[in-house]
């Protein structure tokens, strides 16, 4: 996970789908593929005029977009949930959640 910055020139040329936050949109990157957060105006519901989604590019685009949308849906179903980050040494048993493996530790994110 990192942040994506899209220049005004790229947005003017419509080379890609508009990110939710052009100067700092969240993006998932894996090898030669990426997926980033998008926002579109729907206007169907007065209380929810915008919809969050994902745009993705590369060989693994579909999979990364599904992963990002799953995170959006999990957050959307309980917006008051407090994220939790647990860091344990590599040899310890993992708990349920999204695990980021590091050479010396595991970072587990749950919400």
N, C-alpha and C. Protein backbone atom coordinates (compact mmCIF):
# COMPACT_ATOMS: atom_id res chain seq x y z
N UNK A 1 0.85 -1.16 0.00
CA UNK A 1 0.00 0.00 0.00
C UNK A 1 0.90 1.23 0.00
N UNK A 2 0.55 2.18 -0.82
CA UNK A 2 1.26 3.45 -0.87
C UNK A 2 0.30 4.52 -1.38
N UNK A 3 0.82 5.65 -1.74
CA UNK A 3 -0.01 6.76 -2.23
C UNK A 3 0.35 7.06 -3.67
N UNK A 4 -0.65 7.51 -4.43
CA UNK A 4 -0.49 7.83 -5.83
C UNK A 4 -0.73 9.32 -6.04
N UNK A 5 0.14 9.95 -6.79
CA UNK A 5 -0.06 11.35 -7.14
C UNK A 5 -0.23 11.45 -8.65
N UNK A 6 -1.32 12.07 -9.07
CA UNK A 6 -1.63 12.21 -10.48
C UNK A 6 -1.54 13.70 -10.83
N UNK A 7 -0.81 14.02 -11.88
CA UNK A 7 -0.64 15.41 -12.28
C UNK A 7 -1.90 15.95 -12.94
N UNK A 8 -2.05 17.26 -12.90
CA UNK A 8 -3.18 17.92 -13.55
C UNK A 8 -3.17 17.63 -15.05
N UNK A 9 -1.97 17.57 -15.65
CA UNK A 9 -1.86 17.30 -17.09
C UNK A 9 -2.44 15.92 -17.44
N UNK A 10 -2.15 14.92 -16.62
CA UNK A 10 -2.69 13.58 -16.87
C UNK A 10 -4.21 13.57 -16.73
N UNK A 11 -4.72 14.30 -15.74
CA UNK A 11 -6.17 14.36 -15.56
C UNK A 11 -6.85 15.06 -16.74
N UNK A 12 -6.22 16.11 -17.27
CA UNK A 12 -6.77 16.84 -18.42
C UNK A 12 -6.84 15.93 -19.66
N UNK A 13 -5.86 15.06 -19.82
CA UNK A 13 -5.80 14.19 -20.99
C UNK A 13 -6.68 12.96 -20.85
N UNK A 14 -7.26 12.78 -19.67
CA UNK A 14 -8.12 11.63 -19.40
C UNK A 14 -7.43 10.31 -19.72
N UNK A 15 -6.15 10.21 -19.32
CA UNK A 15 -5.39 8.99 -19.55
C UNK A 15 -5.78 7.88 -18.59
N UNK A 16 -6.43 8.24 -17.49
CA UNK A 16 -6.80 7.27 -16.48
C UNK A 16 -8.05 7.73 -15.76
N UNK A 17 -8.66 6.81 -15.00
CA UNK A 17 -9.83 7.18 -14.21
C UNK A 17 -9.38 8.08 -13.08
N UNK A 18 -10.17 9.09 -12.79
CA UNK A 18 -9.83 10.09 -11.77
C UNK A 18 -9.75 9.43 -10.39
N UNK A 19 -8.60 9.59 -9.73
CA UNK A 19 -8.48 9.06 -8.36
C UNK A 19 -9.31 9.88 -7.39
N UNK A 20 -9.64 9.28 -6.26
CA UNK A 20 -10.44 9.96 -5.24
C UNK A 20 -9.75 11.23 -4.76
N UNK A 21 -8.45 11.15 -4.56
CA UNK A 21 -7.66 12.29 -4.10
C UNK A 21 -6.45 12.38 -5.04
N UNK A 22 -6.52 13.21 -6.08
CA UNK A 22 -5.45 13.21 -7.08
C UNK A 22 -4.03 13.39 -6.55
N UNK A 23 -3.86 14.09 -5.43
CA UNK A 23 -2.50 14.30 -4.93
C UNK A 23 -2.06 13.26 -3.90
N UNK A 24 -2.95 12.39 -3.44
CA UNK A 24 -2.57 11.40 -2.42
C UNK A 24 -3.56 10.25 -2.32
N UNK A 25 -3.95 9.64 -3.41
CA UNK A 25 -4.91 8.53 -3.35
C UNK A 25 -4.24 7.24 -2.92
N UNK A 26 -4.91 6.45 -2.07
CA UNK A 26 -4.36 5.15 -1.68
C UNK A 26 -4.27 4.23 -2.90
N UNK A 27 -3.21 3.45 -2.96
CA UNK A 27 -3.01 2.53 -4.09
C UNK A 27 -2.39 1.22 -3.59
N UNK A 28 -2.87 0.11 -4.13
CA UNK A 28 -2.26 -1.20 -3.88
C UNK A 28 -1.36 -1.49 -5.07
N UNK A 29 -0.13 -1.92 -4.80
CA UNK A 29 0.82 -2.23 -5.87
C UNK A 29 1.37 -3.63 -5.64
N UNK A 30 1.38 -4.40 -6.71
CA UNK A 30 1.99 -5.72 -6.65
C UNK A 30 2.65 -5.99 -7.99
N UNK A 31 3.97 -6.10 -7.96
CA UNK A 31 4.78 -6.31 -9.17
C UNK A 31 4.44 -5.25 -10.22
N UNK A 32 3.87 -5.66 -11.35
CA UNK A 32 3.61 -4.72 -12.44
C UNK A 32 2.13 -4.34 -12.55
N UNK A 33 1.41 -4.40 -11.42
CA UNK A 33 -0.01 -4.05 -11.41
C UNK A 33 -0.31 -3.11 -10.25
N UNK A 34 -1.37 -2.32 -10.41
CA UNK A 34 -1.79 -1.44 -9.33
C UNK A 34 -3.29 -1.20 -9.37
N UNK A 35 -3.85 -0.85 -8.22
CA UNK A 35 -5.26 -0.48 -8.09
C UNK A 35 -5.31 0.70 -7.13
N UNK A 36 -6.12 1.70 -7.47
CA UNK A 36 -6.21 2.89 -6.61
C UNK A 36 -7.66 3.27 -6.37
N UNK A 37 -7.87 4.03 -5.31
CA UNK A 37 -9.19 4.47 -4.88
C UNK A 37 -9.75 5.52 -5.83
N UNK A 38 -11.02 5.33 -6.24
CA UNK A 38 -11.70 6.31 -7.07
C UNK A 38 -12.98 6.76 -6.38
N UNK A 39 -13.50 7.87 -6.83
CA UNK A 39 -14.79 8.36 -6.33
C UNK A 39 -15.58 8.88 -7.52
N UNK A 40 -16.83 8.49 -7.60
CA UNK A 40 -17.69 8.96 -8.68
C UNK A 40 -18.95 9.56 -8.09
N UNK A 41 -19.48 10.56 -8.79
CA UNK A 41 -20.73 11.19 -8.35
C UNK A 41 -21.87 10.40 -8.96
N UNK A 42 -22.77 9.92 -8.09
CA UNK A 42 -23.93 9.19 -8.57
C UNK A 42 -25.19 10.03 -8.45
N UNK A 43 -25.37 10.68 -7.31
CA UNK A 43 -26.52 11.55 -7.12
C UNK A 43 -27.84 10.83 -6.94
N UNK A 44 -27.85 9.50 -6.89
CA UNK A 44 -29.10 8.77 -6.74
C UNK A 44 -29.69 8.94 -5.34
N UNK A 45 -28.86 9.01 -4.33
CA UNK A 45 -29.32 9.18 -2.96
C UNK A 45 -28.77 10.49 -2.41
N UNK A 46 -29.63 11.30 -1.85
CA UNK A 46 -29.20 12.60 -1.31
C UNK A 46 -28.17 12.42 -0.19
N UNK A 47 -28.33 11.37 0.61
CA UNK A 47 -27.41 11.13 1.73
C UNK A 47 -26.07 10.56 1.28
N UNK A 48 -26.04 9.94 0.10
CA UNK A 48 -24.81 9.32 -0.41
C UNK A 48 -24.65 9.64 -1.89
N UNK A 49 -24.28 10.89 -2.21
CA UNK A 49 -24.18 11.27 -3.62
C UNK A 49 -22.93 10.74 -4.33
N UNK A 50 -21.98 10.19 -3.58
CA UNK A 50 -20.73 9.69 -4.17
C UNK A 50 -20.57 8.20 -3.90
N UNK A 51 -19.84 7.54 -4.78
CA UNK A 51 -19.54 6.12 -4.60
C UNK A 51 -18.04 5.91 -4.71
N UNK A 52 -17.49 5.20 -3.71
CA UNK A 52 -16.08 4.84 -3.75
C UNK A 52 -15.92 3.58 -4.58
N UNK A 53 -14.79 3.47 -5.25
CA UNK A 53 -14.52 2.30 -6.07
C UNK A 53 -13.03 2.16 -6.31
N UNK A 54 -12.69 1.42 -7.34
CA UNK A 54 -11.28 1.18 -7.66
C UNK A 54 -11.07 1.18 -9.17
N UNK A 55 -9.94 1.70 -9.57
CA UNK A 55 -9.46 1.58 -10.95
C UNK A 55 -8.17 0.79 -10.86
N UNK A 56 -7.92 -0.06 -11.85
CA UNK A 56 -6.74 -0.91 -11.78
C UNK A 56 -6.15 -1.12 -13.16
N UNK A 57 -4.84 -1.33 -13.18
CA UNK A 57 -4.08 -1.52 -14.41
C UNK A 57 -3.04 -2.61 -14.20
N UNK A 58 -2.75 -3.37 -15.26
CA UNK A 58 -1.72 -4.40 -15.21
C UNK A 58 -2.30 -5.79 -15.22
N UNK A 59 -1.44 -6.80 -15.31
CA UNK A 59 -1.88 -8.20 -15.39
C UNK A 59 -2.72 -8.66 -14.20
N UNK A 60 -2.48 -8.12 -13.01
CA UNK A 60 -3.22 -8.52 -11.81
C UNK A 60 -4.24 -7.47 -11.41
N UNK A 61 -4.63 -6.61 -12.35
CA UNK A 61 -5.53 -5.49 -12.08
C UNK A 61 -6.84 -5.93 -11.44
N UNK A 62 -7.46 -6.94 -12.00
CA UNK A 62 -8.77 -7.38 -11.51
C UNK A 62 -8.70 -7.84 -10.05
N UNK A 63 -7.68 -8.62 -9.74
CA UNK A 63 -7.51 -9.13 -8.37
C UNK A 63 -7.25 -7.98 -7.39
N UNK A 64 -6.36 -7.07 -7.75
CA UNK A 64 -6.06 -5.94 -6.86
C UNK A 64 -7.28 -5.04 -6.68
N UNK A 65 -8.06 -4.82 -7.73
CA UNK A 65 -9.27 -4.00 -7.62
C UNK A 65 -10.27 -4.67 -6.67
N UNK A 66 -10.42 -5.99 -6.78
CA UNK A 66 -11.31 -6.71 -5.86
C UNK A 66 -10.84 -6.56 -4.42
N UNK A 67 -9.53 -6.66 -4.19
CA UNK A 67 -9.00 -6.51 -2.84
C UNK A 67 -9.30 -5.12 -2.28
N UNK A 68 -9.08 -4.10 -3.10
CA UNK A 68 -9.32 -2.73 -2.64
C UNK A 68 -10.80 -2.51 -2.36
N UNK A 69 -11.68 -3.00 -3.22
CA UNK A 69 -13.12 -2.86 -3.01
C UNK A 69 -13.56 -3.61 -1.76
N UNK A 70 -12.95 -4.76 -1.48
CA UNK A 70 -13.27 -5.50 -0.25
C UNK A 70 -12.93 -4.66 0.98
N UNK A 71 -11.81 -3.95 0.95
CA UNK A 71 -11.44 -3.07 2.07
C UNK A 71 -12.43 -1.91 2.18
N UNK A 72 -12.83 -1.35 1.05
CA UNK A 72 -13.81 -0.25 1.06
C UNK A 72 -15.12 -0.74 1.66
N UNK A 73 -15.59 -1.91 1.24
CA UNK A 73 -16.84 -2.46 1.76
C UNK A 73 -16.76 -2.75 3.25
N UNK A 74 -15.64 -3.30 3.70
CA UNK A 74 -15.47 -3.60 5.13
C UNK A 74 -15.52 -2.31 5.94
N UNK A 75 -14.86 -1.28 5.46
CA UNK A 75 -14.88 0.00 6.16
C UNK A 75 -16.27 0.62 6.10
N UNK A 76 -16.94 0.51 4.95
CA UNK A 76 -18.26 1.11 4.78
C UNK A 76 -19.32 0.46 5.64
N UNK A 77 -19.17 -0.83 5.95
CA UNK A 77 -20.18 -1.51 6.76
C UNK A 77 -20.08 -1.15 8.23
N UNK A 78 -18.94 -0.68 8.68
CA UNK A 78 -18.77 -0.27 10.08
C UNK A 78 -17.79 0.88 10.15
N UNK A 79 -18.27 2.06 9.83
CA UNK A 79 -17.39 3.23 9.74
C UNK A 79 -16.86 3.69 11.08
N UNK A 80 -17.42 3.18 12.16
CA UNK A 80 -16.91 3.55 13.49
C UNK A 80 -15.88 2.55 14.00
N UNK A 81 -15.61 1.51 13.23
CA UNK A 81 -14.62 0.52 13.65
C UNK A 81 -13.24 1.17 13.79
N UNK A 82 -12.52 0.74 14.78
CA UNK A 82 -11.19 1.26 15.02
C UNK A 82 -10.17 0.27 14.49
N UNK A 83 -9.34 0.68 13.53
CA UNK A 83 -8.32 -0.24 13.02
C UNK A 83 -7.33 -0.62 14.12
N UNK A 84 -6.83 -1.83 14.02
CA UNK A 84 -5.85 -2.31 15.01
C UNK A 84 -4.67 -2.89 14.25
N UNK A 85 -3.47 -2.53 14.70
CA UNK A 85 -2.25 -3.05 14.10
C UNK A 85 -1.48 -3.81 15.18
N UNK A 86 -1.17 -5.06 14.88
CA UNK A 86 -0.40 -5.90 15.80
C UNK A 86 0.89 -6.32 15.11
N UNK A 87 2.01 -6.15 15.79
CA UNK A 87 3.31 -6.54 15.24
C UNK A 87 3.87 -7.66 16.09
N UNK A 88 4.18 -8.77 15.45
CA UNK A 88 4.73 -9.92 16.16
C UNK A 88 5.99 -10.42 15.45
N UNK A 89 6.87 -11.10 16.17
CA UNK A 89 8.04 -11.70 15.52
C UNK A 89 7.59 -12.75 14.50
N UNK A 90 8.42 -13.04 13.54
CA UNK A 90 8.08 -13.97 12.46
C UNK A 90 7.65 -15.34 12.98
N UNK A 91 8.25 -15.87 14.00
CA UNK A 91 7.94 -17.21 14.50
C UNK A 91 6.62 -17.34 15.22
N UNK A 92 5.99 -16.26 15.59
CA UNK A 92 4.74 -16.32 16.34
C UNK A 92 3.57 -16.63 15.42
N UNK A 93 2.53 -17.23 16.00
CA UNK A 93 1.33 -17.56 15.22
C UNK A 93 0.60 -16.27 14.82
N UNK A 94 0.08 -16.24 13.62
CA UNK A 94 -0.65 -15.08 13.13
C UNK A 94 -2.09 -15.10 13.60
N UNK A 95 -2.65 -13.93 13.81
CA UNK A 95 -4.07 -13.81 14.10
C UNK A 95 -4.79 -13.49 12.80
N UNK A 96 -6.10 -13.56 12.82
CA UNK A 96 -6.89 -13.26 11.61
C UNK A 96 -6.74 -11.79 11.25
N UNK A 97 -6.73 -11.50 9.99
CA UNK A 97 -6.60 -10.13 9.50
C UNK A 97 -5.71 -10.08 8.29
N UNK A 98 -5.43 -8.89 7.84
CA UNK A 98 -4.54 -8.69 6.70
C UNK A 98 -3.11 -8.69 7.21
N UNK A 99 -2.29 -9.59 6.71
CA UNK A 99 -0.92 -9.75 7.22
C UNK A 99 0.07 -9.21 6.20
N UNK A 100 0.99 -8.40 6.69
CA UNK A 100 2.10 -7.89 5.88
C UNK A 100 3.35 -8.55 6.43
N UNK A 101 3.96 -9.40 5.63
CA UNK A 101 5.15 -10.12 6.07
C UNK A 101 6.41 -9.30 5.87
N UNK A 102 7.21 -9.21 6.89
CA UNK A 102 8.51 -8.55 6.85
C UNK A 102 9.56 -9.59 7.23
N UNK A 103 10.82 -9.37 6.89
CA UNK A 103 11.84 -10.37 7.24
C UNK A 103 11.91 -10.68 8.74
N UNK A 104 11.72 -9.69 9.59
CA UNK A 104 11.86 -9.90 11.03
C UNK A 104 10.55 -9.88 11.80
N UNK A 105 9.43 -9.55 11.14
CA UNK A 105 8.16 -9.45 11.86
C UNK A 105 6.97 -9.61 10.92
N UNK A 106 5.79 -9.72 11.54
CA UNK A 106 4.52 -9.73 10.80
C UNK A 106 3.66 -8.59 11.34
N UNK A 107 3.11 -7.83 10.43
CA UNK A 107 2.19 -6.76 10.81
C UNK A 107 0.80 -7.23 10.43
N UNK A 108 -0.10 -7.32 11.41
CA UNK A 108 -1.46 -7.77 11.15
C UNK A 108 -2.41 -6.59 11.36
N UNK A 109 -3.22 -6.31 10.34
CA UNK A 109 -4.20 -5.23 10.41
C UNK A 109 -5.60 -5.81 10.48
N UNK A 110 -6.37 -5.35 11.44
CA UNK A 110 -7.78 -5.77 11.56
C UNK A 110 -8.62 -4.54 11.81
N UNK A 111 -9.86 -4.60 11.40
CA UNK A 111 -10.82 -3.54 11.67
C UNK A 111 -12.22 -4.08 11.51
